[in-house]
Amino acid sequence: KDLCELVGGMSPDDTIDIKSEDGFSTDFGYRNVYNPDPRQ
């Protein structure tokens, strides 16, 4: 979340794509980043 804020943050309809050097990537929604369940 703090890293996202460096470029203007996310809006509730946005998704984030986490990418690694080897090409693996996965997407997460706003809730996962800004309002995660405590179990996450």
Full PDB file with SEQRES, HELIX, SHEET, SSBOND, CRYST1, ORIGX, SCALE, CONECT and MASTER records, all heavy atoms in Angstrom:
SEQRES   1 A   40  LYS ASP LEU CYS GLU LEU VAL GLY GLY MET SER PRO ASP          
SEQRES   2 A   40  ASP THR ILE ASP ILE LYS SER GLU ASP GLY PHE SER THR          
SEQRES   3 A   40  ASP PHE GLY TYR ARG ASN VAL TYR ASN PRO ASP PRO ARG          
SEQRES   4 A   40  GLN                                                          
HELIX    1 AA1 ASP A    2  GLU A    5  1                                   4    
HELIX    2 AA2 TYR A   30  TYR A   34  1                                   5    
SHEET    1 AA1 2 THR A  15  LYS A  19  0                                        
SHEET    2 AA1 2 SER A  25  GLY A  29 -1                                        
CRYST1    1.000    1.000    1.000  90.00  90.00  90.00 P 1           1          
ORIGX1      1.000000  0.000000  0.000000        0.00000                         
ORIGX2      0.000000  1.000000  0.000000        0.00000                         
ORIGX3      0.000000  0.000000  1.000000        0.00000                         
SCALE1      1.000000  0.000000  0.000000        0.00000                         
SCALE2      0.000000  1.000000  0.000000        0.00000                         
SCALE3      0.000000  0.000000  1.000000        0.00000                         
ATOM      1  N   LYS A   1       0.843  -1.208   0.000  1.00  0.00           N  
ATOM      2  CA  LYS A   1       0.000   0.000   0.000  1.00  0.00           C  
ATOM      3  C   LYS A   1       0.873   1.251   0.000  1.00  0.00           C  
ATOM      4  O   LYS A   1       0.623   2.193  -0.760  1.00  0.00           O  
ATOM      5  CB  LYS A   1      -0.926  -0.016   1.212  1.00  0.00           C  
ATOM      6  CG  LYS A   1      -1.706   1.266   1.416  1.00  0.00           C  
ATOM      7  CD  LYS A   1      -2.595   1.198   2.646  1.00  0.00           C  
ATOM      8  CE  LYS A   1      -1.729   1.151   3.876  1.00  0.00           C  
ATOM      9  NZ  LYS A   1      -2.475   1.146   5.132  1.00  0.00           N  
ATOM     10  N   ASP A   2       1.910   1.264   0.824  1.00  0.00           N  
ATOM     11  CA  ASP A   2       2.798   2.432   0.875  1.00  0.00           C  
ATOM     12  C   ASP A   2       3.566   2.610  -0.423  1.00  0.00           C  
ATOM     13  O   ASP A   2       3.822   3.741  -0.857  1.00  0.00           O  
ATOM     14  CB  ASP A   2       3.761   2.309   2.052  1.00  0.00           C  
ATOM     15  CG  ASP A   2       3.041   2.375   3.395  1.00  0.00           C  
ATOM     16  OD1 ASP A   2       2.028   3.088   3.499  1.00  0.00           O  
ATOM     17  OD2 ASP A   2       3.490   1.699   4.338  1.00  0.00           O  
ATOM     18  N   LEU A   3       3.911   1.509  -1.069  1.00  0.00           N  
ATOM     19  CA  LEU A   3       4.572   1.604  -2.374  1.00  0.00           C  
ATOM     20  C   LEU A   3       3.616   2.158  -3.423  1.00  0.00           C  
ATOM     21  O   LEU A   3       4.003   2.983  -4.257  1.00  0.00           O  
ATOM     22  CB  LEU A   3       5.109   0.234  -2.796  1.00  0.00           C  
ATOM     23  CG  LEU A   3       6.254  -0.315  -1.941  1.00  0.00           C  
ATOM     24  CD1 LEU A   3       6.549  -1.761  -2.314  1.00  0.00           C  
ATOM     25  CD2 LEU A   3       7.489   0.557  -2.075  1.00  0.00           C  
ATOM     26  N   CYS A   4       2.356   1.719  -3.395  1.00  0.00           N  
ATOM     27  CA  CYS A   4       1.359   2.238  -4.344  1.00  0.00           C  
ATOM     28  C   CYS A   4       1.179   3.747  -4.189  1.00  0.00           C  
ATOM     29  O   CYS A   4       1.005   4.469  -5.175  1.00  0.00           O  
ATOM     30  CB  CYS A   4       0.018   1.541  -4.152  1.00  0.00           C  
ATOM     31  SG  CYS A   4      -0.006  -0.159  -4.725  1.00  0.00           S  
ATOM     32  N   GLU A   5       1.229   4.221  -2.949  1.00  0.00           N  
ATOM     33  CA  GLU A   5       1.049   5.649  -2.697  1.00  0.00           C  
ATOM     34  C   GLU A   5       2.149   6.492  -3.340  1.00  0.00           C  
ATOM     35  O   GLU A   5       1.949   7.673  -3.615  1.00  0.00           O  
ATOM     36  CB  GLU A   5       0.966   5.919  -1.193  1.00  0.00           C  
ATOM     37  CG  GLU A   5      -0.323   5.423  -0.566  1.00  0.00           C  
ATOM     38  CD  GLU A   5      -1.562   6.086  -1.154  1.00  0.00           C  
ATOM     39  OE1 GLU A   5      -1.592   7.330  -1.253  1.00  0.00           O  
ATOM     40  OE2 GLU A   5      -2.492   5.348  -1.526  1.00  0.00           O  
ATOM     41  N   LEU A   6       3.298   5.894  -3.613  1.00  0.00           N  
ATOM     42  CA  LEU A   6       4.394   6.626  -4.260  1.00  0.00           C  
ATOM     43  C   LEU A   6       4.040   7.071  -5.668  1.00  0.00           C  
ATOM     44  O   LEU A   6       4.655   7.999  -6.203  1.00  0.00           O  
ATOM     45  CB  LEU A   6       5.659   5.768  -4.309  1.00  0.00           C  
ATOM     46  CG  LEU A   6       6.270   5.369  -2.971  1.00  0.00           C  
ATOM     47  CD1 LEU A   6       7.452   4.423  -3.194  1.00  0.00           C  
ATOM     48  CD2 LEU A   6       6.693   6.598  -2.182  1.00  0.00           C  
ATOM     49  N   VAL A   7       3.044   6.408  -6.293  1.00  0.00           N  
ATOM     50  CA  VAL A   7       2.646   6.764  -7.659  1.00  0.00           C  
ATOM     51  C   VAL A   7       1.184   7.199  -7.729  1.00  0.00           C  
ATOM     52  O   VAL A   7       0.552   7.131  -8.770  1.00  0.00           O  
ATOM     53  CB  VAL A   7       2.922   5.605  -8.648  1.00  0.00           C  
ATOM     54  CG1 VAL A   7       4.407   5.363  -8.794  1.00  0.00           C  
ATOM     55  CG2 VAL A   7       2.186   4.336  -8.234  1.00  0.00           C  
ATOM     56  N   GLY A   8       0.636   7.629  -6.599  1.00  0.00           N  
ATOM     57  CA  GLY A   8      -0.728   8.148  -6.608  1.00  0.00           C  
ATOM     58  C   GLY A   8      -1.775   7.218  -6.033  1.00  0.00           C  
ATOM     59  O   GLY A   8      -2.944   7.562  -5.999  1.00  0.00           O  
ATOM     60  N   GLY A   9      -1.374   6.042  -5.579  1.00  0.00           N  
ATOM     61  CA  GLY A   9      -2.303   5.128  -4.924  1.00  0.00           C  
ATOM     62  C   GLY A   9      -3.273   4.437  -5.858  1.00  0.00           C  
ATOM     63  O   GLY A   9      -3.209   4.589  -7.075  1.00  0.00           O  
ATOM     64  N   MET A  10      -4.147   3.653  -5.256  1.00  0.00           N  
ATOM     65  CA  MET A  10      -5.160   2.890  -5.989  1.00  0.00           C  
ATOM     66  C   MET A  10      -6.546   3.442  -5.662  1.00  0.00           C  
ATOM     67  O   MET A  10      -6.766   3.991  -4.593  1.00  0.00           O  
ATOM     68  CB  MET A  10      -5.129   1.409  -5.575  1.00  0.00           C  
ATOM     69  CG  MET A  10      -3.901   0.653  -5.992  1.00  0.00           C  
ATOM     70  SD  MET A  10      -3.890  -1.052  -5.331  1.00  0.00           S  
ATOM     71  CE  MET A  10      -5.246  -1.806  -6.243  1.00  0.00           C  
ATOM     72  N   SER A  11      -7.480   3.244  -6.578  1.00  0.00           N  
ATOM     73  CA  SER A  11      -8.894   3.517  -6.357  1.00  0.00           C  
ATOM     74  C   SER A  11      -9.589   2.185  -6.148  1.00  0.00           C  
ATOM     75  O   SER A  11      -9.061   1.138  -6.557  1.00  0.00           O  
ATOM     76  CB  SER A  11      -9.491   4.221  -7.584  1.00  0.00           C  
ATOM     77  OG  SER A  11      -8.848   5.454  -7.783  1.00  0.00           O  
ATOM     78  N   PRO A  12     -10.779   2.183  -5.539  1.00  0.00           N  
ATOM     79  CA  PRO A  12     -11.464   0.920  -5.243  1.00  0.00           C  
ATOM     80  C   PRO A  12     -11.673  -0.008  -6.444  1.00  0.00           C  
ATOM     81  O   PRO A  12     -11.755  -1.216  -6.270  1.00  0.00           O  
ATOM     82  CB  PRO A  12     -12.798   1.372  -4.652  1.00  0.00           C  
ATOM     83  CG  PRO A  12     -12.469   2.678  -4.002  1.00  0.00           C  
ATOM     84  CD  PRO A  12     -11.461   3.329  -4.926  1.00  0.00           C  
ATOM     85  N   ASP A  13     -11.729   0.520  -7.647  1.00  0.00           N  
ATOM     86  CA  ASP A  13     -11.920  -0.324  -8.832  1.00  0.00           C  
ATOM     87  C   ASP A  13     -10.610  -0.790  -9.461  1.00  0.00           C  
ATOM     88  O   ASP A  13     -10.614  -1.540 -10.430  1.00  0.00           O  
ATOM     89  CB  ASP A  13     -12.738   0.420  -9.897  1.00  0.00           C  
ATOM     90  CG  ASP A  13     -14.166   0.665  -9.450  1.00  0.00           C  
ATOM     91  OD1 ASP A  13     -14.673  -0.110  -8.618  1.00  0.00           O  
ATOM     92  OD2 ASP A  13     -14.765   1.652  -9.924  1.00  0.00           O  
ATOM     93  N   ASP A  14      -9.486  -0.346  -8.925  1.00  0.00           N  
ATOM     94  CA  ASP A  14      -8.179  -0.696  -9.481  1.00  0.00           C  
ATOM     95  C   ASP A  14      -7.737  -2.092  -9.056  1.00  0.00           C  
ATOM     96  O   ASP A  14      -8.198  -2.630  -8.056  1.00  0.00           O  
ATOM     97  CB  ASP A  14      -7.109   0.288  -9.015  1.00  0.00           C  
ATOM     98  CG  ASP A  14      -7.264   1.668  -9.618  1.00  0.00           C  
ATOM     99  OD1 ASP A  14      -8.029   1.827 -10.573  1.00  0.00           O  
ATOM    100  OD2 ASP A  14      -6.606   2.595  -9.109  1.00  0.00           O  
ATOM    101  N   THR A  15      -6.820  -2.638  -9.822  1.00  0.00           N  
ATOM    102  CA  THR A  15      -6.142  -3.878  -9.452  1.00  0.00           C  
ATOM    103  C   THR A  15      -4.643  -3.614  -9.489  1.00  0.00           C  
ATOM    104  O   THR A  15      -4.180  -2.675 -10.125  1.00  0.00           O  
ATOM    105  CB  THR A  15      -6.464  -5.050 -10.407  1.00  0.00           C  
ATOM    106  OG1 THR A  15      -6.088  -4.673 -11.735  1.00  0.00           O  
ATOM    107  CG2 THR A  15      -7.929  -5.417 -10.367  1.00  0.00           C  
ATOM    108  N   ILE A  16      -3.926  -4.462  -8.793  1.00  0.00           N  
ATOM    109  CA  ILE A  16      -2.466  -4.368  -8.792  1.00  0.00           C  
ATOM    110  C   ILE A  16      -1.913  -5.675  -9.334  1.00  0.00           C  
ATOM    111  O   ILE A  16      -2.450  -6.744  -9.052  1.00  0.00           O  
ATOM    112  CB  ILE A  16      -1.919  -4.072  -7.385  1.00  0.00           C  
ATOM    113  CG1 ILE A  16      -0.404  -3.846  -7.428  1.00  0.00           C  
ATOM    114  CG2 ILE A  16      -2.283  -5.162  -6.400  1.00  0.00           C  
ATOM    115  CD1 ILE A  16       0.171  -3.329  -6.128  1.00  0.00           C  
ATOM    116  N   ASP A  17      -0.882  -5.572 -10.123  1.00  0.00           N  
ATOM    117  CA  ASP A  17      -0.219  -6.739 -10.683  1.00  0.00           C  
ATOM    118  C   ASP A  17       1.178  -6.794 -10.077  1.00  0.00           C  
ATOM    119  O   ASP A  17       1.978  -5.891 -10.298  1.00  0.00           O  
ATOM    120  CB  ASP A  17      -0.139  -6.613 -12.205  1.00  0.00           C  
ATOM    121  CG  ASP A  17       0.436  -7.833 -12.879  1.00  0.00           C  
ATOM    122  OD1 ASP A  17       0.353  -8.935 -12.326  1.00  0.00           O  
ATOM    123  OD2 ASP A  17       0.974  -7.678 -13.992  1.00  0.00           O  
ATOM    124  N   ILE A  18       1.443  -7.828  -9.303  1.00  0.00           N  
ATOM    125  CA  ILE A  18       2.768  -8.019  -8.721  1.00  0.00           C  
ATOM    126  C   ILE A  18       3.549  -8.905  -9.688  1.00  0.00           C  
ATOM    127  O   ILE A  18       3.114 -10.012  -9.999  1.00  0.00           O  
ATOM    128  CB  ILE A  18       2.691  -8.701  -7.333  1.00  0.00           C  
ATOM    129  CG1 ILE A  18       1.761  -7.945  -6.397  1.00  0.00           C  
ATOM    130  CG2 ILE A  18       4.095  -8.890  -6.754  1.00  0.00           C  
ATOM    131  CD1 ILE A  18       2.293  -6.655  -5.855  1.00  0.00           C  
ATOM    132  N   LYS A  19       4.671  -8.424 -10.167  1.00  0.00           N  
ATOM    133  CA  LYS A  19       5.465  -9.151 -11.160  1.00  0.00           C  
ATOM    134  C   LYS A  19       6.852  -9.455 -10.609  1.00  0.00           C  
ATOM    135  O   LYS A  19       7.437  -8.644  -9.915  1.00  0.00           O  
ATOM    136  CB  LYS A  19       5.632  -8.324 -12.430  1.00  0.00           C  
ATOM    137  CG  LYS A  19       4.364  -8.061 -13.167  1.00  0.00           C  
ATOM    138  CD  LYS A  19       4.629  -7.259 -14.422  1.00  0.00           C  
ATOM    139  CE  LYS A  19       3.336  -6.989 -15.160  1.00  0.00           C  
ATOM    140  NZ  LYS A  19       3.568  -6.225 -16.385  1.00  0.00           N  
ATOM    141  N   SER A  20       7.364 -10.611 -10.993  1.00  0.00           N  
ATOM    142  CA  SER A  20       8.729 -10.956 -10.616  1.00  0.00           C  
ATOM    143  C   SER A  20       9.609 -10.996 -11.851  1.00  0.00           C  
ATOM    144  O   SER A  20       9.121 -11.031 -12.978  1.00  0.00           O  
ATOM    145  CB  SER A  20       8.760 -12.295  -9.876  1.00  0.00           C  
ATOM    146  OG  SER A  20       8.395 -13.339 -10.740  1.00  0.00           O  
ATOM    147  N   GLU A  21      10.893 -11.009 -11.618  1.00  0.00           N  
ATOM    148  CA  GLU A  21      11.873 -11.010 -12.694  1.00  0.00           C  
ATOM    149  C   GLU A  21      11.697 -12.192 -13.641  1.00  0.00           C  
ATOM    150  O   GLU A  21      11.954 -12.095 -14.831  1.00  0.00           O  
ATOM    151  CB  GLU A  21      13.267 -11.031 -12.074  1.00  0.00           C  
ATOM    152  CG  GLU A  21      14.391 -10.982 -13.059  1.00  0.00           C  
ATOM    153  CD  GLU A  21      15.720 -11.003 -12.331  1.00  0.00           C  
ATOM    154  OE1 GLU A  21      15.995 -11.975 -11.610  1.00  0.00           O  
ATOM    155  OE2 GLU A  21      16.470 -10.037 -12.484  1.00  0.00           O  
ATOM    156  N   ASP A  22      11.250 -13.333 -13.107  1.00  0.00           N  
ATOM    157  CA  ASP A  22      11.122 -14.539 -13.922  1.00  0.00           C  
ATOM    158  C   ASP A  22       9.842 -14.574 -14.756  1.00  0.00           C  
ATOM    159  O   ASP A  22       9.578 -15.551 -15.441  1.00  0.00           O  
ATOM    160  CB  ASP A  22      11.213 -15.790 -13.048  1.00  0.00           C  
ATOM    161  CG  ASP A  22      10.088 -15.909 -12.042  1.00  0.00           C  
ATOM    162  OD1 ASP A  22       9.122 -15.122 -12.111  1.00  0.00           O  
ATOM    163  OD2 ASP A  22      10.168 -16.785 -11.171  1.00  0.00           O  
ATOM    164  N   GLY A  23       9.032 -13.509 -14.679  1.00  0.00           N  
ATOM    165  CA  GLY A  23       7.824 -13.444 -15.481  1.00  0.00           C  
ATOM    166  C   GLY A  23       6.560 -13.838 -14.735  1.00  0.00           C  
ATOM    167  O   GLY A  23       5.460 -13.625 -15.228  1.00  0.00           O  
ATOM    168  N   PHE A  24       6.684 -14.418 -13.548  1.00  0.00           N  
ATOM    169  CA  PHE A  24       5.493 -14.765 -12.772  1.00  0.00           C  
ATOM    170  C   PHE A  24       4.803 -13.488 -12.331  1.00  0.00           C  
ATOM    171  O   PHE A  24       5.450 -12.527 -11.923  1.00  0.00           O  
ATOM    172  CB  PHE A  24       5.875 -15.605 -11.548  1.00  0.00           C  
ATOM    173  CG  PHE A  24       4.689 -15.982 -10.705  1.00  0.00           C  
ATOM    174  CD1 PHE A  24       3.871 -17.028 -11.097  1.00  0.00           C  
ATOM    175  CD2 PHE A  24       4.395 -15.286  -9.556  1.00  0.00           C  
ATOM    176  CE1 PHE A  24       2.767 -17.373 -10.338  1.00  0.00           C  
ATOM    177  CE2 PHE A  24       3.294 -15.624  -8.787  1.00  0.00           C  
ATOM    178  CZ  PHE A  24       2.476 -16.672  -9.180  1.00  0.00           C  
ATOM    179  N   SER A  25       3.483 -13.455 -12.426  1.00  0.00           N  
ATOM    180  CA  SER A  25       2.734 -12.305 -11.939  1.00  0.00           C  
ATOM    181  C   SER A  25       1.394 -12.766 -11.401  1.00  0.00           C  
ATOM    182  O   SER A  25       0.896 -13.836 -11.762  1.00  0.00           O  
ATOM    183  CB  SER A  25       2.537 -11.263 -13.047  1.00  0.00           C  
ATOM    184  OG  SER A  25       1.632 -11.730 -14.018  1.00  0.00           O  
ATOM    185  N   THR A  26       0.838 -11.963 -10.539  1.00  0.00           N  
ATOM    186  CA  THR A  26      -0.476 -12.238  -9.989  1.00  0.00           C  
ATOM    187  C   THR A  26      -1.146 -10.914  -9.649  1.00  0.00           C  
ATOM    188  O   THR A  26      -0.466  -9.942  -9.310  1.00  0.00           O  
ATOM    189  CB  THR A  26      -0.385 -13.174  -8.754  1.00  0.00           C  
ATOM    190  OG1 THR A  26      -1.688 -13.599  -8.389  1.00  0.00           O  
ATOM    191  CG2 THR A  26       0.308 -12.508  -7.601  1.00  0.00           C  
ATOM    192  N   ASP A  27      -2.466 -10.882  -9.788  1.00  0.00           N  
ATOM    193  CA  ASP A  27      -3.241  -9.661  -9.561  1.00  0.00           C  
ATOM    194  C   ASP A  27      -3.957  -9.705  -8.216  1.00  0.00           C  
ATOM    195  O   ASP A  27      -4.375 -10.776  -7.760  1.00  0.00           O  
ATOM    196  CB  ASP A  27      -4.310  -9.493 -10.648  1.00  0.00           C  
ATOM    197  CG  ASP A  27      -3.726  -9.312 -12.028  1.00  0.00           C  
ATOM    198  OD1 ASP A  27      -2.545  -8.937 -12.134  1.00  0.00           O  
ATOM    199  OD2 ASP A  27      -4.456  -9.530 -13.007  1.00  0.00           O  
ATOM    200  N   PHE A  28      -4.128  -8.529  -7.629  1.00  0.00           N  
ATOM    201  CA  PHE A  28      -4.881  -8.378  -6.393  1.00  0.00           C  
ATOM    202  C   PHE A  28      -5.774  -7.161  -6.513  1.00  0.00           C  
ATOM    203  O   PHE A  28      -5.431  -6.191  -7.194  1.00  0.00           O  
ATOM    204  CB  PHE A  28      -3.939  -8.181  -5.193  1.00  0.00           C  
ATOM    205  CG  PHE A  28      -3.068  -9.364  -4.930  1.00  0.00           C  
ATOM    206  CD1 PHE A  28      -1.774  -9.410  -5.415  1.00  0.00           C  
ATOM    207  CD2 PHE A  28      -3.544 -10.445  -4.201  1.00  0.00           C  
ATOM    208  CE1 PHE A  28      -0.969 -10.507  -5.176  1.00  0.00           C  
ATOM    209  CE2 PHE A  28      -2.741 -11.550  -3.960  1.00  0.00           C  
ATOM    210  CZ  PHE A  28      -1.456 -11.579  -4.454  1.00  0.00           C  
ATOM    211  N   GLY A  29      -6.885  -7.185  -5.813  1.00  0.00           N  
ATOM    212  CA  GLY A  29      -7.801  -6.057  -5.801  1.00  0.00           C  
ATOM    213  C   GLY A  29      -7.444  -5.044  -4.723  1.00  0.00           C  
ATOM    214  O   GLY A  29      -6.593  -5.278  -3.856  1.00  0.00           O  
ATOM    215  N   TYR A  30      -8.127  -3.947  -4.785  1.00  0.00           N  
ATOM    216  CA  TYR A  30      -7.944  -2.841  -3.851  1.00  0.00           C  
ATOM    217  C   TYR A  30      -8.065  -3.316  -2.404  1.00  0.00           C  
ATOM    218  O   TYR A  30      -7.266  -2.941  -1.553  1.00  0.00           O  
ATOM    219  CB  TYR A  30      -8.999  -1.772  -4.164  1.00  0.00           C  
ATOM    220  CG  TYR A  30      -8.994  -0.599  -3.228  1.00  0.00           C  
ATOM    221  CD1 TYR A  30      -8.205   0.512  -3.490  1.00  0.00           C  
ATOM    222  CD2 TYR A  30      -9.799  -0.579  -2.084  1.00  0.00           C  
ATOM    223  CE1 TYR A  30      -8.204   1.607  -2.641  1.00  0.00           C  
ATOM    224  CE2 TYR A  30      -9.801   0.506  -1.227  1.00  0.00           C  
ATOM    225  CZ  TYR A  30      -9.005   1.600  -1.512  1.00  0.00           C  
ATOM    226  OH  TYR A  30      -9.003   2.677  -0.659  1.00  0.00           O  
ATOM    227  N   ARG A  31      -9.069  -4.129  -2.106  1.00  0.00           N  
ATOM    228  CA  ARG A  31      -9.300  -4.592  -0.732  1.00  0.00           C  
ATOM    229  C   ARG A  31      -8.087  -5.344  -0.192  1.00  0.00           C  
ATOM    230  O   ARG A  31      -7.712  -5.175   0.961  1.00  0.00           O  
ATOM    231  CB  ARG A  31     -10.544  -5.486  -0.674  1.00  0.00           C  
ATOM    232  CG  ARG A  31     -10.861  -5.962   0.738  1.00  0.00           C  
ATOM    233  CD  ARG A  31     -12.131  -6.782   0.806  1.00  0.00           C  
ATOM    234  NE  ARG A  31     -12.022  -8.161   0.396  1.00  0.00           N  
ATOM    235  CZ  ARG A  31     -11.461  -9.141   1.112  1.00  0.00           C  
ATOM    236  NH1 ARG A  31     -10.899  -8.895   2.249  1.00  0.00           N  
ATOM    237  NH2 ARG A  31     -11.440 -10.374   0.683  1.00  0.00           N  
ATOM    238  N   ASN A  32      -7.465  -6.182  -1.021  1.00  0.00           N  
ATOM    239  CA  ASN A  32      -6.287  -6.919  -0.569  1.00  0.00           C  
ATOM    240  C   ASN A  32      -5.140  -5.990  -0.175  1.00  0.00           C  
ATOM    241  O   ASN A  32      -4.372  -6.292   0.735  1.00  0.00           O  
ATOM    242  CB  ASN A  32      -5.786  -7.881  -1.639  1.00  0.00           C  
ATOM    243  CG  ASN A  32      -6.759  -8.977  -1.938  1.00  0.00           C  
ATOM    244  OD1 ASN A  32      -7.415  -8.941  -2.976  1.00  0.00           O  
ATOM    245  ND2 ASN A  32      -6.894  -9.936  -1.052  1.00  0.00           N  
ATOM    246  N   VAL A  33      -5.032  -4.867  -0.867  1.00  0.00           N  
ATOM    247  CA  VAL A  33      -3.931  -3.936  -0.634  1.00  0.00           C  
ATOM    248  C   VAL A  33      -4.263  -2.921   0.458  1.00  0.00           C  
ATOM    249  O   VAL A  33      -3.453  -2.681   1.346  1.00  0.00           O  
ATOM    250  CB  VAL A  33      -3.554  -3.192  -1.940  1.00  0.00           C  
ATOM    251  CG1 VAL A  33      -2.452  -2.172  -1.710  1.00  0.00           C  
ATOM    252  CG2 VAL A  33      -3.154  -4.184  -3.023  1.00  0.00           C  
ATOM    253  N   TYR A  34      -5.465  -2.331   0.398  1.00  0.00           N  
ATOM    254  CA  TYR A  34      -5.803  -1.226   1.285  1.00  0.00           C  
ATOM    255  C   TYR A  34      -6.643  -1.602   2.505  1.00  0.00           C  
ATOM    256  O   TYR A  34      -6.655  -0.866   3.488  1.00  0.00           O  
ATOM    257  CB  TYR A  34      -6.524  -0.124   0.501  1.00  0.00           C  
ATOM    258  CG  TYR A  34      -5.560   0.737  -0.269  1.00  0.00           C  
ATOM    259  CD1 TYR A  34      -5.089   0.335  -1.513  1.00  0.00           C  
ATOM    260  CD2 TYR A  34      -5.091   1.927   0.253  1.00  0.00           C  
ATOM    261  CE1 TYR A  34      -4.188   1.115  -2.215  1.00  0.00           C  
ATOM    262  CE2 TYR A  34      -4.189   2.713  -0.441  1.00  0.00           C  
ATOM    263  CZ  TYR A  34      -3.742   2.293  -1.678  1.00  0.00           C  
ATOM    264  OH  TYR A  34      -2.840   3.063  -2.361  1.00  0.00           O  
ATOM    265  N   ASN A  35      -7.365  -2.686   2.449  1.00  0.00           N  
ATOM    266  CA  ASN A  35      -8.226  -3.067   3.568  1.00  0.00           C  
ATOM    267  C   ASN A  35      -8.222  -4.585   3.731  1.00  0.00           C  
ATOM    268  O   ASN A  35      -9.264  -5.224   3.649  1.00  0.00           O  
ATOM    269  CB  ASN A  35      -9.647  -2.540   3.321  1.00  0.00           C  
ATOM    270  CG  ASN A  35     -10.525  -2.663   4.538  1.00  0.00           C  
ATOM    271  OD1 ASN A  35     -10.039  -2.684   5.655  1.00  0.00           O  
ATOM    272  ND2 ASN A  35     -11.820  -2.761   4.315  1.00  0.00           N  
ATOM    273  N   PRO A  36      -7.050  -5.168   3.963  1.00  0.00           N  
ATOM    274  CA  PRO A  36      -6.982  -6.627   4.016  1.00  0.00           C  
ATOM    275  C   PRO A  36      -7.663  -7.204   5.253  1.00  0.00           C  
ATOM    276  O   PRO A  36      -7.627  -6.600   6.328  1.00  0.00           O  
ATOM    277  CB  PRO A  36      -5.476  -6.915   4.046  1.00  0.00           C  
ATOM    278  CG  PRO A  36      -4.876  -5.692   4.663  1.00  0.00           C  
ATOM    279  CD  PRO A  36      -5.738  -4.548   4.201  1.00  0.00           C  
ATOM    280  N   ASP A  37      -8.268  -8.354   5.081  1.00  0.00           N  
ATOM    281  CA  ASP A  37      -8.801  -9.104   6.196  1.00  0.00           C  
ATOM    282  C   ASP A  37      -7.617  -9.419   7.116  1.00  0.00           C  
ATOM    283  O   ASP A  37      -6.518  -9.716   6.634  1.00  0.00           O  
ATOM    284  CB  ASP A  37      -9.430 -10.393   5.656  1.00  0.00           C  
ATOM    285  CG  ASP A  37     -10.097 -11.207   6.722  1.00  0.00           C  
ATOM    286  OD1 ASP A  37      -9.369 -11.779   7.569  1.00  0.00           O  
ATOM    287  OD2 ASP A  37     -11.333 -11.301   6.709  1.00  0.00           O  
ATOM    288  N   PRO A  38      -7.790  -9.393   8.442  1.00  0.00           N  
ATOM    289  CA  PRO A  38      -6.678  -9.706   9.342  1.00  0.00           C  
ATOM    290  C   PRO A  38      -6.063 -11.085   9.090  1.00  0.00           C  
ATOM    291  O   PRO A  38      -4.873 -11.278   9.310  1.00  0.00           O  
ATOM    292  CB  PRO A  38      -7.312  -9.637  10.737  1.00  0.00           C  
ATOM    293  CG  PRO A  38      -8.474  -8.724  10.572  1.00  0.00           C  
ATOM    294  CD  PRO A  38      -8.982  -8.976   9.178  1.00  0.00           C  
ATOM    295  N   ARG A  39      -6.870 -12.024   8.599  1.00  0.00           N  
ATOM    296  CA  ARG A  39      -6.324 -13.353   8.303  1.00  0.00           C  
ATOM    297  C   ARG A  39      -5.400 -13.308   7.095  1.00  0.00           C  
ATOM    298  O   ARG A  39      -4.605 -14.202   6.899  1.00  0.00           O  
ATOM    299  CB  ARG A  39      -7.444 -14.355   8.084  1.00  0.00           C  
ATOM    300  CG  ARG A  39      -8.140 -14.671   9.410  1.00  0.00           C  
ATOM    301  CD  ARG A  39      -9.126 -15.754   9.249  1.00  0.00           C  
ATOM    302  NE  ARG A  39      -8.447 -17.030   9.133  1.00  0.00           N  
ATOM    303  CZ  ARG A  39      -9.075 -18.175   9.071  1.00  0.00           C  
ATOM    304  NH1 ARG A  39     -10.392 -18.214   9.106  1.00  0.00           N  
ATOM    305  NH2 ARG A  39      -8.402 -19.295   8.967  1.00  0.00           N  
ATOM    306  N   GLN A  40      -5.524 -12.291   6.254  1.00  0.00           N  
ATOM    307  CA  GLN A  40      -4.568 -12.089   5.163  1.00  0.00           C  
ATOM    308  C   GLN A  40      -3.421 -11.240   5.675  1.00  0.00           C  
ATOM    309  O   GLN A  40      -2.269 -11.572   5.504  1.00  0.00           O  
ATOM    310  CB  GLN A  40      -5.209 -11.383   3.973  1.00  0.00           C  
ATOM    311  CG  GLN A  40      -4.171 -11.017   2.906  1.00  0.00           C  
ATOM    312  CD  GLN A  40      -4.635  -9.972   1.933  1.00  0.00           C  
ATOM    313  OE1 GLN A  40      -5.669 -10.129   1.304  1.00  0.00           O  
ATOM    314  NE2 GLN A  40      -3.870  -8.900   1.807  1.00  0.00           N  
TER     315      GLN A  40                                                      
MASTER        0    0    0    2    2    0    0    6  314    1    0    4          
END                                                                             
